[in-house]
C-alpha atoms as a PDB file:
ATOM      1  CA  MET A   1    -191.852  -5.396   9.465  1.00  0.00           C
ATOM      2  CA  GLU A   2    -188.956  -4.259  12.383  1.00  0.00           C
ATOM      3  CA  ARG A   3    -186.091  -6.594  13.094  1.00  0.00           C
ATOM      4  CA  PRO A   4    -185.009  -7.308  16.275  1.00  0.00           C
ATOM      5  CA  ILE A   5    -181.888  -4.998  15.674  1.00  0.00           C
ATOM      6  CA  ASP A   6    -184.326  -2.081  15.202  1.00  0.00           C
ATOM      7  CA  VAL A   7    -186.652  -3.046  18.110  1.00  0.00           C
ATOM      8  CA  LEU A   8    -183.298  -2.638  20.194  1.00  0.00           C
ATOM      9  CA  ASN A   9    -182.483   0.448  18.259  1.00  0.00           C
ATOM     10  CA  ASN A  10    -186.006   1.932  19.535  1.00  0.00           C
ATOM     11  CA  ALA A  11    -185.282   0.603  22.583  1.00  0.00           C
ATOM     12  CA  LYS A  12    -181.903   3.604  23.744  1.00  0.00           C
ATOM     13  CA  GLY A  13    -183.111   5.944  26.121  1.00  0.00           C
ATOM     14  CA  LYS A  14    -185.468   3.018  28.092  1.00  0.00           C
ATOM     15  CA  ARG A  15    -185.163   0.766  30.776  1.00  0.00           C
ATOM     16  CA  VAL A  16    -184.709  -3.289  29.467  1.00  0.00           C
ATOM     17  CA  LEU A  17    -184.239  -6.854  31.059  1.00  0.00           C
ATOM     18  CA  ILE A  18    -181.264  -8.875  30.217  1.00  0.00           C
ATOM     19  CA  LYS A  19    -180.558 -12.393  31.175  1.00  0.00           C
ATOM     20  CA  LEU A  20    -177.711 -13.882  31.181  1.00  0.00           C
ATOM     21  CA  LYS A  21    -176.611 -17.006  30.124  1.00  0.00           C
ATOM     22  CA  LYS A  22    -175.316 -18.495  33.443  1.00  0.00           C
ATOM     23  CA  GLY A  23    -178.733 -17.064  34.322  1.00  0.00           C
ATOM     24  CA  THR A  24    -177.953 -13.442  36.053  1.00  0.00           C
ATOM     25  CA  GLU A  25    -180.547 -10.503  35.504  1.00  0.00           C
ATOM     26  CA  ILE A  26    -179.787  -6.773  34.803  1.00  0.00           C
ATOM     27  CA  SER A  27    -182.387  -3.966  34.294  1.00  0.00           C
ATOM     28  CA  GLY A  28    -180.976  -0.999  32.816  1.00  0.00           C
ATOM     29  CA  ILE A  29    -180.870   2.865  30.943  1.00  0.00           C
ATOM     30  CA  LEU A  30    -180.115   0.802  27.329  1.00  0.00           C
ATOM     31  CA  HIS A  31    -177.350   3.908  26.883  1.00  0.00           C
ATOM     32  CA  ALA A  32    -175.341   1.575  23.891  1.00  0.00           C
ATOM     33  CA  MET A  33    -174.973  -1.568  21.581  1.00  0.00           C
ATOM     34  CA  ASP A  34    -172.917  -2.699  18.927  1.00  0.00           C
ATOM     35  CA  LEU A  35    -174.197  -5.353  15.748  1.00  0.00           C
ATOM     36  CA  HIS A  36    -172.390  -7.721  18.225  1.00  0.00           C
ATOM     37  CA  LEU A  37    -174.776  -6.547  21.202  1.00  0.00           C
ATOM     38  CA  ASN A  38    -172.687  -5.221  23.047  1.00  0.00           C
ATOM     39  CA  MET A  39    -174.632  -3.309  25.683  1.00  0.00           C
ATOM     40  CA  TRP A  40    -173.706   0.167  27.624  1.00  0.00           C
ATOM     41  CA  LEU A  41    -176.329   0.004  30.302  1.00  0.00           C
ATOM     42  CA  GLU A  42    -176.797   3.381  32.817  1.00  0.00           C
ATOM     43  CA  GLY A  43    -177.947   2.884  36.036  1.00  0.00           C
ATOM     44  CA  ALA A  44    -178.156  -0.363  35.990  1.00  0.00           C
ATOM     45  CA  GLU A  45    -179.007  -3.168  38.218  1.00  0.00           C
ATOM     46  CA  GLN A  46    -178.608  -6.913  38.859  1.00  0.00           C
ATOM     47  CA  ILE A  47    -182.043  -8.507  39.945  1.00  0.00           C
ATOM     48  CA  THR A  48    -182.243 -11.277  42.292  1.00  0.00           C
ATOM     49  CA  GLU A  49    -184.967 -13.048  43.833  1.00  0.00           C
ATOM     50  CA  GLU A  50    -183.808 -11.437  48.008  1.00  0.00           C
ATOM     51  CA  LYS A  51    -183.118  -8.078  46.215  1.00  0.00           C
ATOM     52  CA  LYS A  52    -181.209  -5.362  43.430  1.00  0.00           C
ATOM     53  CA  ILE A  53    -177.282  -4.949  43.653  1.00  0.00           C
ATOM     54  CA  LYS A  54    -176.768  -1.520  41.843  1.00  0.00           C
ATOM     55  CA  LEU A  55    -174.253  -2.127  39.342  1.00  0.00           C
ATOM     56  CA  GLY A  56    -174.117   2.003  37.866  1.00  0.00           C
ATOM     57  CA  THR A  57    -172.874   1.848  34.114  1.00  0.00           C
ATOM     58  CA  ILE A  58    -171.457  -1.189  32.737  1.00  0.00           C
ATOM     59  CA  LEU A  59    -171.194  -2.588  29.332  1.00  0.00           C
ATOM     60  CA  VAL A  60    -172.597  -6.457  28.925  1.00  0.00           C
ATOM     61  CA  ARG A  61    -170.988  -7.970  26.328  1.00  0.00           C
ATOM     62  CA  GLY A  62    -172.793  -9.777  23.047  1.00  0.00           C
ATOM     63  CA  ASP A  63    -171.894 -13.153  23.275  1.00  0.00           C
ATOM     64  CA  ASN A  64    -173.121 -13.554  27.589  1.00  0.00           C
ATOM     65  CA  ILE A  65    -176.820 -12.184  25.970  1.00  0.00           C
ATOM     66  CA  LEU A  66    -179.755 -15.124  26.483  1.00  0.00           C
ATOM     67  CA  TYR A  67    -182.112 -12.670  25.397  1.00  0.00           C
ATOM     68  CA  VAL A  68    -183.080  -8.907  26.045  1.00  0.00           C
ATOM     69  CA  SER A  69    -186.788  -7.937  26.118  1.00  0.00           C
ATOM     70  CA  PRO A  70    -187.691  -3.867  25.911  1.00  0.00           C
ATOM     71  CA  GLU A  71    -189.446  -1.955  28.609  1.00  0.00           C
ATOM     72  CA  LYS A  72    -192.957  -2.028  26.964  1.00  0.00           C
ATOM     73  CA  SER A  73    -194.087   1.055  25.642  1.00  0.00           C
ATOM     74  CA  GLU A  74    -197.401   2.539  26.206  1.00  0.00           C
END
């Protein structure tokens, strides 16, 4: 059985969707993370109803994250 941290480790190099506590959604390629769930994303975009805002390379602090959804594997 996989632990949640294992699922995120397997998502490295793949696109993830992160929802922040304030409601902001960010999508990007997960490059690295730590045990505090601080996440380094490449090619990140902030997703709004109207448009996508390119953010580039960002670090999302783990205590701001509500949830993380890895890209579906097919």
